[in-house]
Amino acid sequence: MKKLRDLPKFSIERINQLQHKEKLLLAHEFYNPDNYEALSVSTEEHYIVGSCPRYLFAEVFEKIKQKSRVEIRVEHVNEPSTPFQFCLMCEMTFDINNEGRLFSGQQYQALVTEKAIL
């Protein structure tokens, strides 16, 4: 799947039927030639309904490596006339241990750490 708009018609129809708090599944698209870290989001019936944003890849993979529970649920479905990339909003939750700190990896650090003195 190159873009979300490339989803089959039945997947788009399924998005419009999703219910608040409905459980969704996450799948690693290791076969994706454009991005081997891609993560698709699907229903329990395996209809692909979207993909995980790139900025979350590192966190999600780290939590999976730690055998943490990663759960995705439908938060909101907008009207079908809404631009496709804004149709579905999900909530992703993790179980983290006491030492866990989200978004502490290198890619989430500030580009500039010193304050300029004028």
C-alpha atoms as a PDB file:
ATOM      1  CA  MET A   1       0.000   0.000   0.000  1.00  0.00           C
ATOM      2  CA  LYS A   2       1.764   3.141  -1.171  1.00  0.00           C
ATOM      3  CA  LYS A   3      -0.830   5.618   0.070  1.00  0.00           C
ATOM      4  CA  LEU A   4      -3.965   5.353   2.175  1.00  0.00           C
ATOM      5  CA  ARG A   5      -6.076   6.429  -0.773  1.00  0.00           C
ATOM      6  CA  ASP A   6      -4.918   3.206  -2.489  1.00  0.00           C
ATOM      7  CA  LEU A   7      -6.963   1.122  -0.045  1.00  0.00           C
ATOM      8  CA  PRO A   8      -9.548  -1.181  -1.618  1.00  0.00           C
ATOM      9  CA  LYS A   9     -13.152   0.024  -1.622  1.00  0.00           C
ATOM     10  CA  PHE A  10     -14.196  -2.548   1.007  1.00  0.00           C
ATOM     11  CA  SER A  11     -11.550  -1.205   3.424  1.00  0.00           C
ATOM     12  CA  ILE A  12     -12.868   2.334   2.986  1.00  0.00           C
ATOM     13  CA  GLU A  13     -16.411   1.082   3.566  1.00  0.00           C
ATOM     14  CA  ARG A  14     -15.236  -0.724   6.715  1.00  0.00           C
ATOM     15  CA  ILE A  15     -13.654   2.496   8.048  1.00  0.00           C
ATOM     16  CA  ASN A  16     -17.069   4.156   7.856  1.00  0.00           C
ATOM     17  CA  GLN A  17     -18.553   1.305   9.942  1.00  0.00           C
ATOM     18  CA  LEU A  18     -15.977   1.414  12.741  1.00  0.00           C
ATOM     19  CA  GLN A  19     -17.308   1.995  16.240  1.00  0.00           C
ATOM     20  CA  HIS A  20     -15.845   4.064  19.082  1.00  0.00           C
ATOM     21  CA  LYS A  21     -13.362   1.978  21.122  1.00  0.00           C
ATOM     22  CA  GLU A  22     -13.371  -0.863  18.558  1.00  0.00           C
ATOM     23  CA  LYS A  23     -10.113  -2.817  18.777  1.00  0.00           C
ATOM     24  CA  LEU A  24      -7.695  -2.599  15.835  1.00  0.00           C
ATOM     25  CA  LEU A  25      -4.578  -4.626  15.046  1.00  0.00           C
ATOM     26  CA  LEU A  26      -1.048  -3.572  14.154  1.00  0.00           C
ATOM     27  CA  ALA A  27       1.004  -5.468  11.556  1.00  0.00           C
ATOM     28  CA  HIS A  28       4.625  -5.054  10.497  1.00  0.00           C
ATOM     29  CA  GLU A  29       4.861  -4.626   6.710  1.00  0.00           C
ATOM     30  CA  PHE A  30       8.390  -6.035   6.404  1.00  0.00           C
ATOM     31  CA  TYR A  31       7.635  -6.754   2.724  1.00  0.00           C
ATOM     32  CA  ASN A  32       6.938  -3.076   1.945  1.00  0.00           C
ATOM     33  CA  PRO A  33       9.593  -1.987  -0.614  1.00  0.00           C
ATOM     34  CA  ASP A  34       9.137   1.710   0.233  1.00  0.00           C
ATOM     35  CA  ASN A  35       9.586   1.342   3.982  1.00  0.00           C
ATOM     36  CA  TYR A  36      10.578  -1.923   5.670  1.00  0.00           C
ATOM     37  CA  GLU A  37       9.487  -0.493   9.040  1.00  0.00           C
ATOM     38  CA  ALA A  38       5.921   0.300   7.887  1.00  0.00           C
ATOM     39  CA  LEU A  39       3.137  -0.641  10.279  1.00  0.00           C
ATOM     40  CA  SER A  40      -0.391  -1.148   8.964  1.00  0.00           C
ATOM     41  CA  VAL A  41      -3.534  -0.889  11.060  1.00  0.00           C
ATOM     42  CA  SER A  42      -6.356  -3.337  10.384  1.00  0.00           C
ATOM     43  CA  THR A  43      -9.628  -4.565  11.823  1.00  0.00           C
ATOM     44  CA  GLU A  44      -9.960  -7.928  13.516  1.00  0.00           C
ATOM     45  CA  GLU A  45     -11.397  -9.189  10.194  1.00  0.00           C
ATOM     46  CA  HIS A  46      -8.086  -8.092   8.581  1.00  0.00           C
ATOM     47  CA  TYR A  47      -9.388  -5.110   6.597  1.00  0.00           C
ATOM     48  CA  ILE A  48      -6.488  -2.653   6.369  1.00  0.00           C
ATOM     49  CA  VAL A  49      -7.815   0.723   7.515  1.00  0.00           C
ATOM     50  CA  GLY A  50      -4.645   2.798   7.783  1.00  0.00           C
ATOM     51  CA  SER A  51      -1.039   2.939   8.832  1.00  0.00           C
ATOM     52  CA  CYS A  52       0.949   4.020  11.855  1.00  0.00           C
ATOM     53  CA  PRO A  53       2.677   7.431  11.496  1.00  0.00           C
ATOM     54  CA  ARG A  54       6.438   7.209  10.871  1.00  0.00           C
ATOM     55  CA  TYR A  55       7.318   9.273  13.933  1.00  0.00           C
ATOM     56  CA  LEU A  56       5.928   6.472  16.130  1.00  0.00           C
ATOM     57  CA  PHE A  57       7.856   3.567  14.508  1.00  0.00           C
ATOM     58  CA  ALA A  58      10.818   3.649  16.898  1.00  0.00           C
ATOM     59  CA  GLU A  59       8.619   3.756  20.006  1.00  0.00           C
ATOM     60  CA  VAL A  60       6.281   1.019  18.805  1.00  0.00           C
ATOM     61  CA  PHE A  61       9.104  -1.324  17.777  1.00  0.00           C
ATOM     62  CA  GLU A  62      10.893  -0.729  21.086  1.00  0.00           C
ATOM     63  CA  LYS A  63       7.748  -1.578  23.061  1.00  0.00           C
ATOM     64  CA  ILE A  64       7.191  -4.712  20.972  1.00  0.00           C
ATOM     65  CA  LYS A  65      10.820  -5.811  21.588  1.00  0.00           C
ATOM     66  CA  GLN A  66      10.206  -5.354  25.315  1.00  0.00           C
ATOM     67  CA  LYS A  67       7.129  -7.598  24.956  1.00  0.00           C
ATOM     68  CA  SER A  68       4.931  -4.699  26.044  1.00  0.00           C
ATOM     69  CA  ARG A  69       1.235  -4.756  25.245  1.00  0.00           C
ATOM     70  CA  VAL A  70       0.482  -2.335  22.396  1.00  0.00           C
ATOM     71  CA  GLU A  71      -3.214  -1.675  21.867  1.00  0.00           C
ATOM     72  CA  ILE A  72      -5.020   0.408  19.254  1.00  0.00           C
ATOM     73  CA  ARG A  73      -8.661   1.445  19.506  1.00  0.00           C
ATOM     74  CA  VAL A  74     -10.897   3.660  17.392  1.00  0.00           C
ATOM     75  CA  GLU A  75     -11.252   7.098  18.935  1.00  0.00           C
ATOM     76  CA  HIS A  76     -13.299   8.836  16.231  1.00  0.00           C
ATOM     77  CA  VAL A  77     -14.481   8.343  12.644  1.00  0.00           C
ATOM     78  CA  ASN A  78     -15.229  11.505  10.666  1.00  0.00           C
ATOM     79  CA  GLU A  79     -17.839  11.868   7.942  1.00  0.00           C
ATOM     80  CA  PRO A  80     -17.054  10.119   4.613  1.00  0.00           C
ATOM     81  CA  SER A  81     -16.688  13.544   2.924  1.00  0.00           C
ATOM     82  CA  THR A  82     -13.657  14.321   5.143  1.00  0.00           C
ATOM     83  CA  PRO A  83     -10.263  14.163   3.365  1.00  0.00           C
ATOM     84  CA  PHE A  84      -9.102  10.561   3.661  1.00  0.00           C
ATOM     85  CA  GLN A  85      -6.035  11.189   5.833  1.00  0.00           C
ATOM     86  CA  PHE A  86      -8.349  12.709   8.491  1.00  0.00           C
ATOM     87  CA  CYS A  87     -11.141  10.077   8.411  1.00  0.00           C
ATOM     88  CA  LEU A  88      -9.946   7.885  11.260  1.00  0.00           C
ATOM     89  CA  MET A  89      -8.445   8.865  14.613  1.00  0.00           C
ATOM     90  CA  CYS A  90      -7.111   6.105  16.857  1.00  0.00           C
ATOM     91  CA  GLU A  91      -5.746   5.836  20.372  1.00  0.00           C
ATOM     92  CA  MET A  92      -2.608   3.759  20.915  1.00  0.00           C
ATOM     93  CA  THR A  93      -1.697   2.638  24.422  1.00  0.00           C
ATOM     94  CA  PHE A  94       1.383   0.860  25.796  1.00  0.00           C
ATOM     95  CA  ASP A  95       2.160  -0.967  28.997  1.00  0.00           C
ATOM     96  CA  ILE A  96       5.428   0.462  30.270  1.00  0.00           C
ATOM     97  CA  ASN A  97       7.535  -0.533  33.234  1.00  0.00           C
ATOM     98  CA  ASN A  98       8.642   1.874  35.954  1.00  0.00           C
ATOM     99  CA  GLU A  99      11.847   2.656  34.087  1.00  0.00           C
ATOM    100  CA  GLY A 100      10.078   3.210  30.782  1.00  0.00           C
ATOM    101  CA  ARG A 101      10.131   6.671  29.293  1.00  0.00           C
ATOM    102  CA  LEU A 102       8.324   7.338  26.030  1.00  0.00           C
ATOM    103  CA  PHE A 103       9.961   9.435  23.311  1.00  0.00           C
ATOM    104  CA  SER A 104      13.403   9.355  24.948  1.00  0.00           C
ATOM    105  CA  GLY A 105      15.184   7.968  21.860  1.00  0.00           C
ATOM    106  CA  GLN A 106      17.695   9.965  19.801  1.00  0.00           C
ATOM    107  CA  GLN A 107      15.188  10.883  17.098  1.00  0.00           C
ATOM    108  CA  TYR A 108      12.987  12.685  19.654  1.00  0.00           C
ATOM    109  CA  GLN A 109      15.728  14.847  21.167  1.00  0.00           C
ATOM    110  CA  ALA A 110      15.971  18.591  20.627  1.00  0.00           C
ATOM    111  CA  LEU A 111      18.060  19.681  17.655  1.00  0.00           C
ATOM    112  CA  VAL A 112      19.539  22.534  19.688  1.00  0.00           C
ATOM    113  CA  THR A 113      20.224  22.066  23.380  1.00  0.00           C
ATOM    114  CA  GLU A 114      21.896  25.376  24.209  1.00  0.00           C
ATOM    115  CA  LYS A 115      20.119  28.685  24.609  1.00  0.00           C
ATOM    116  CA  ALA A 116      21.378  31.617  22.602  1.00  0.00           C
ATOM    117  CA  ILE A 117      22.619  34.554  24.643  1.00  0.00           C
ATOM    118  CA  LEU A 118      21.927  37.894  23.010  1.00  0.00           C
END
